N, C-alpha and C. Protein backbone atom coordinates (compact mmCIF):
# COMPACT_ATOMS: atom_id res chain seq x y z
N MET A 1 0.79 -1.20 0.03
CA MET A 1 -0.01 -0.05 0.02
C MET A 1 0.92 1.24 0.00
N GLN A 2 0.38 2.29 -0.63
CA GLN A 2 1.05 3.44 -0.59
C GLN A 2 0.34 4.60 0.31
N ILE A 3 1.12 5.16 1.07
CA ILE A 3 0.54 6.29 1.99
C ILE A 3 0.38 7.48 1.26
N ARG A 4 -0.83 8.00 1.02
CA ARG A 4 -1.19 9.12 0.12
C ARG A 4 -1.43 10.35 0.92
N ARG A 5 -1.91 10.22 2.16
CA ARG A 5 -2.19 11.36 2.98
C ARG A 5 -1.89 11.07 4.58
N LYS A 6 -1.96 12.10 5.36
CA LYS A 6 -1.75 11.89 6.67
C LYS A 6 -3.01 11.24 7.23
N ALA A 7 -2.93 10.28 8.17
CA ALA A 7 -4.00 9.63 8.97
C ALA A 7 -3.50 9.05 10.15
N SER A 8 -4.56 8.75 11.07
CA SER A 8 -4.16 8.31 12.40
C SER A 8 -5.17 7.20 12.85
N ALA A 9 -4.86 6.46 13.76
CA ALA A 9 -5.68 5.43 14.41
C ALA A 9 -5.36 5.32 15.90
N GLY A 10 -6.13 4.99 16.74
CA GLY A 10 -5.92 4.74 18.16
C GLY A 10 -6.19 5.79 18.97
N THR A 11 -5.92 5.65 20.34
CA THR A 11 -6.07 6.60 21.43
C THR A 11 -4.87 6.63 22.27
N MET A 12 -4.86 7.59 23.15
CA MET A 12 -3.79 7.70 24.14
C MET A 12 -4.11 7.13 25.51
N GLN A 13 -5.09 6.36 25.51
CA GLN A 13 -5.51 5.68 26.73
C GLN A 13 -4.48 4.60 27.18
N SER A 14 -4.55 4.20 28.48
CA SER A 14 -3.70 3.01 28.79
C SER A 14 -4.07 1.79 28.10
N SER A 15 -2.94 1.08 27.80
CA SER A 15 -3.12 -0.26 27.10
C SER A 15 -3.48 -0.09 25.63
N ASP A 16 -3.17 1.12 25.11
CA ASP A 16 -3.51 1.28 23.59
C ASP A 16 -2.33 2.08 23.02
N ALA A 17 -2.52 2.43 21.72
CA ALA A 17 -1.44 3.16 21.03
C ALA A 17 -2.12 4.05 20.07
N MET A 18 -1.54 5.16 19.81
CA MET A 18 -1.90 6.17 18.79
C MET A 18 -0.67 6.15 17.59
N VAL A 19 -1.29 5.78 16.44
CA VAL A 19 -0.38 5.72 15.26
C VAL A 19 -0.70 6.74 14.23
N VAL A 20 0.30 7.55 13.79
CA VAL A 20 0.06 8.57 12.92
C VAL A 20 0.99 8.23 11.78
N VAL A 21 0.42 8.33 10.35
CA VAL A 21 1.27 7.95 9.21
C VAL A 21 1.01 9.14 8.33
N GLU A 22 2.08 9.36 7.66
CA GLU A 22 2.12 10.43 6.65
C GLU A 22 3.01 10.06 5.46
N PRO A 23 2.85 10.76 4.26
CA PRO A 23 3.76 10.36 3.14
C PRO A 23 5.15 10.83 3.43
N SER A 24 6.06 10.05 2.88
CA SER A 24 7.43 10.46 2.89
C SER A 24 8.21 9.76 1.71
N ASP A 25 9.35 10.21 1.37
CA ASP A 25 10.13 9.62 0.34
C ASP A 25 10.84 8.32 0.78
N THR A 26 11.11 8.18 2.14
CA THR A 26 11.80 7.07 2.63
C THR A 26 10.81 6.49 3.82
N LEU A 27 11.16 5.37 4.38
CA LEU A 27 10.56 4.67 5.40
C LEU A 27 11.15 5.18 6.74
N ARG A 28 10.30 5.87 7.54
CA ARG A 28 10.93 6.30 8.81
C ARG A 28 10.00 5.86 9.96
N VAL A 29 10.38 5.30 11.07
CA VAL A 29 9.63 4.87 12.22
C VAL A 29 10.03 5.48 13.40
N ALA A 30 9.18 6.28 14.05
CA ALA A 30 9.52 6.83 15.34
C ALA A 30 8.61 6.26 16.38
N ILE A 31 9.15 5.93 17.52
CA ILE A 31 8.51 5.21 18.60
C ILE A 31 8.65 5.91 19.85
N GLU A 32 7.47 6.21 20.60
CA GLU A 32 7.47 6.88 21.88
C GLU A 32 6.60 5.85 22.66
N SER A 33 7.18 5.33 23.95
CA SER A 33 6.39 4.30 24.53
C SER A 33 6.85 4.49 26.00
N THR A 34 5.84 4.14 26.88
CA THR A 34 6.00 4.27 28.34
C THR A 34 6.86 2.89 28.82
N VAL A 35 6.97 1.97 27.89
CA VAL A 35 7.68 0.75 28.19
C VAL A 35 8.85 0.58 27.11
N LYS A 36 9.40 1.75 26.59
CA LYS A 36 10.28 1.66 25.57
C LYS A 36 11.52 0.83 25.94
N LYS A 37 12.14 1.19 27.08
CA LYS A 37 13.40 0.50 27.65
C LYS A 37 13.24 -1.03 27.65
N GLN A 38 12.09 -1.50 28.14
CA GLN A 38 11.97 -2.94 28.10
C GLN A 38 11.58 -3.62 26.95
N PHE A 39 10.62 -2.90 25.99
CA PHE A 39 10.04 -3.61 24.86
C PHE A 39 10.25 -2.90 23.60
N GLU A 40 11.19 -2.02 23.38
CA GLU A 40 11.32 -1.33 22.07
C GLU A 40 11.52 -2.31 21.00
N HIS A 41 12.56 -3.29 21.18
CA HIS A 41 12.82 -4.21 20.20
C HIS A 41 11.52 -4.97 19.71
N LEU A 42 10.70 -5.34 20.74
CA LEU A 42 9.49 -6.08 20.27
C LEU A 42 8.48 -5.28 19.52
N ILE A 43 8.36 -3.96 20.08
CA ILE A 43 7.44 -2.95 19.44
C ILE A 43 7.93 -2.77 17.94
N ARG A 44 9.21 -2.62 17.68
CA ARG A 44 9.83 -2.28 16.54
C ARG A 44 9.68 -3.55 15.57
N ALA A 45 9.79 -4.66 16.09
CA ALA A 45 9.61 -6.02 15.29
C ALA A 45 8.17 -6.06 14.80
N ARG A 46 7.18 -5.67 15.71
CA ARG A 46 5.86 -5.84 15.29
C ARG A 46 5.42 -4.92 14.24
N ILE A 47 6.04 -3.52 14.37
CA ILE A 47 5.76 -2.53 13.48
C ILE A 47 6.36 -2.98 12.02
N THR A 48 7.61 -3.47 12.04
CA THR A 48 8.21 -3.90 10.75
C THR A 48 7.51 -4.97 10.10
N LEU A 49 7.06 -6.03 10.85
CA LEU A 49 6.21 -7.08 10.34
C LEU A 49 4.99 -6.63 9.75
N THR A 50 4.30 -5.83 10.40
CA THR A 50 2.97 -5.32 9.85
C THR A 50 3.18 -4.48 8.61
N LEU A 51 4.22 -3.62 8.56
CA LEU A 51 4.62 -2.85 7.36
C LEU A 51 4.88 -3.76 6.18
N GLU A 52 5.64 -4.82 6.42
CA GLU A 52 6.01 -5.89 5.40
C GLU A 52 4.79 -6.55 4.89
N GLN A 53 3.86 -6.89 5.82
CA GLN A 53 2.67 -7.58 5.34
C GLN A 53 1.73 -6.69 4.55
N LEU A 54 1.86 -5.37 4.82
CA LEU A 54 0.92 -4.47 3.97
C LEU A 54 1.72 -3.93 2.80
N GLU A 55 2.94 -4.48 2.69
CA GLU A 55 3.71 -3.90 1.57
C GLU A 55 4.02 -2.47 1.48
N VAL A 56 4.24 -1.80 2.73
CA VAL A 56 4.47 -0.37 2.81
C VAL A 56 6.11 -0.34 2.75
N THR A 57 6.51 0.49 1.85
CA THR A 57 7.94 0.76 1.70
C THR A 57 8.29 2.12 1.93
N THR A 58 7.40 3.03 1.93
CA THR A 58 7.74 4.51 2.21
C THR A 58 6.62 5.01 3.15
N GLY A 59 7.11 6.17 3.95
CA GLY A 59 6.26 6.81 4.72
C GLY A 59 6.84 7.14 6.10
N HIS A 60 6.29 7.95 6.80
CA HIS A 60 6.73 8.31 8.24
C HIS A 60 5.54 7.69 9.15
N ILE A 61 6.15 6.80 10.03
CA ILE A 61 5.14 6.23 10.96
C ILE A 61 5.51 6.67 12.30
N GLN A 62 4.60 7.25 13.12
CA GLN A 62 4.80 7.68 14.44
C GLN A 62 3.91 6.84 15.32
N VAL A 63 4.56 6.15 16.19
CA VAL A 63 3.69 5.37 17.20
C VAL A 63 3.96 5.87 18.69
N SER A 64 2.91 6.12 19.31
CA SER A 64 2.90 6.60 20.61
C SER A 64 2.15 5.47 21.47
N ASP A 65 2.98 4.59 22.06
CA ASP A 65 2.55 3.43 22.74
C ASP A 65 2.35 3.64 24.24
N ARG A 66 1.23 3.21 24.77
CA ARG A 66 0.90 3.35 26.19
C ARG A 66 0.71 1.74 26.75
N GLY A 67 1.47 0.88 26.26
CA GLY A 67 1.44 -0.51 26.79
C GLY A 67 0.51 -1.39 25.93
N ALA A 68 0.24 -1.09 24.78
CA ALA A 68 -0.69 -1.93 23.78
C ALA A 68 -0.04 -3.23 23.70
N LEU A 69 -0.90 -4.17 23.63
CA LEU A 69 -0.58 -5.57 23.25
C LEU A 69 -0.23 -5.61 21.70
N ASP A 70 0.59 -6.56 21.27
CA ASP A 70 1.05 -6.72 19.96
C ASP A 70 -0.08 -6.66 18.89
N TYR A 71 -1.04 -7.35 19.16
CA TYR A 71 -2.15 -7.46 18.19
C TYR A 71 -2.90 -6.16 18.12
N ALA A 72 -3.04 -5.35 19.22
CA ALA A 72 -3.65 -4.09 19.20
C ALA A 72 -2.76 -3.07 18.37
N LEU A 73 -1.54 -3.06 18.66
CA LEU A 73 -0.44 -2.28 17.80
C LEU A 73 -0.65 -2.55 16.25
N ALA A 74 -0.64 -3.93 15.96
CA ALA A 74 -0.81 -4.21 14.55
C ALA A 74 -2.08 -3.70 14.00
N ALA A 75 -3.25 -3.69 14.74
CA ALA A 75 -4.48 -3.27 14.27
C ALA A 75 -4.47 -1.79 13.99
N ARG A 76 -3.77 -1.11 14.94
CA ARG A 76 -3.86 0.36 14.83
C ARG A 76 -2.98 0.86 13.63
N ILE A 77 -1.91 0.16 13.39
CA ILE A 77 -1.02 0.39 12.27
C ILE A 77 -1.83 0.16 10.92
N GLU A 78 -2.34 -1.03 10.89
CA GLU A 78 -3.14 -1.40 9.63
C GLU A 78 -4.35 -0.33 9.37
N THR A 79 -5.03 0.03 10.38
CA THR A 79 -6.09 1.03 10.25
C THR A 79 -5.62 2.27 9.69
N ALA A 80 -4.57 2.81 10.39
CA ALA A 80 -3.94 4.10 9.94
C ALA A 80 -3.47 3.96 8.59
N ILE A 81 -2.78 3.00 8.12
CA ILE A 81 -2.39 2.89 6.72
C ILE A 81 -3.50 2.68 5.82
N CYS A 82 -4.44 2.10 6.12
CA CYS A 82 -5.64 1.81 5.20
C CYS A 82 -6.38 3.21 5.07
N ARG A 83 -6.52 3.98 6.11
CA ARG A 83 -7.05 5.26 6.00
C ARG A 83 -6.11 6.23 5.23
N ALA A 84 -4.87 6.14 5.19
CA ALA A 84 -3.92 6.91 4.62
C ALA A 84 -3.81 6.58 3.05
N SER A 85 -4.18 5.32 2.72
CA SER A 85 -4.04 4.97 1.28
C SER A 85 -5.38 5.18 0.48
N GLU A 86 -6.39 5.62 1.11
CA GLU A 86 -7.67 5.89 0.46
C GLU A 86 -7.54 7.27 -0.27
N GLU A 87 -8.44 7.31 -1.42
CA GLU A 87 -8.23 8.59 -2.04
C GLU A 87 -9.55 9.28 -1.95
């Protein structure tokens, strides 16, 4: 999928994540998390896997995590990207 416009999904509540995606010439991922020290490698792995499954190769992905489980994070990323790819 191609990110055509800025879009977001999620909330800033506990055990959730806010994902904002926007067009970019390169693929950039920024992570802010309350559990970054312990779980950044797992969060980054889930983001990478989800982007690969959706065939996203460019875009700026911003993730603000508040302890979301991996399936919730994947769902938020997929929703934001689907919204951003619509015309």
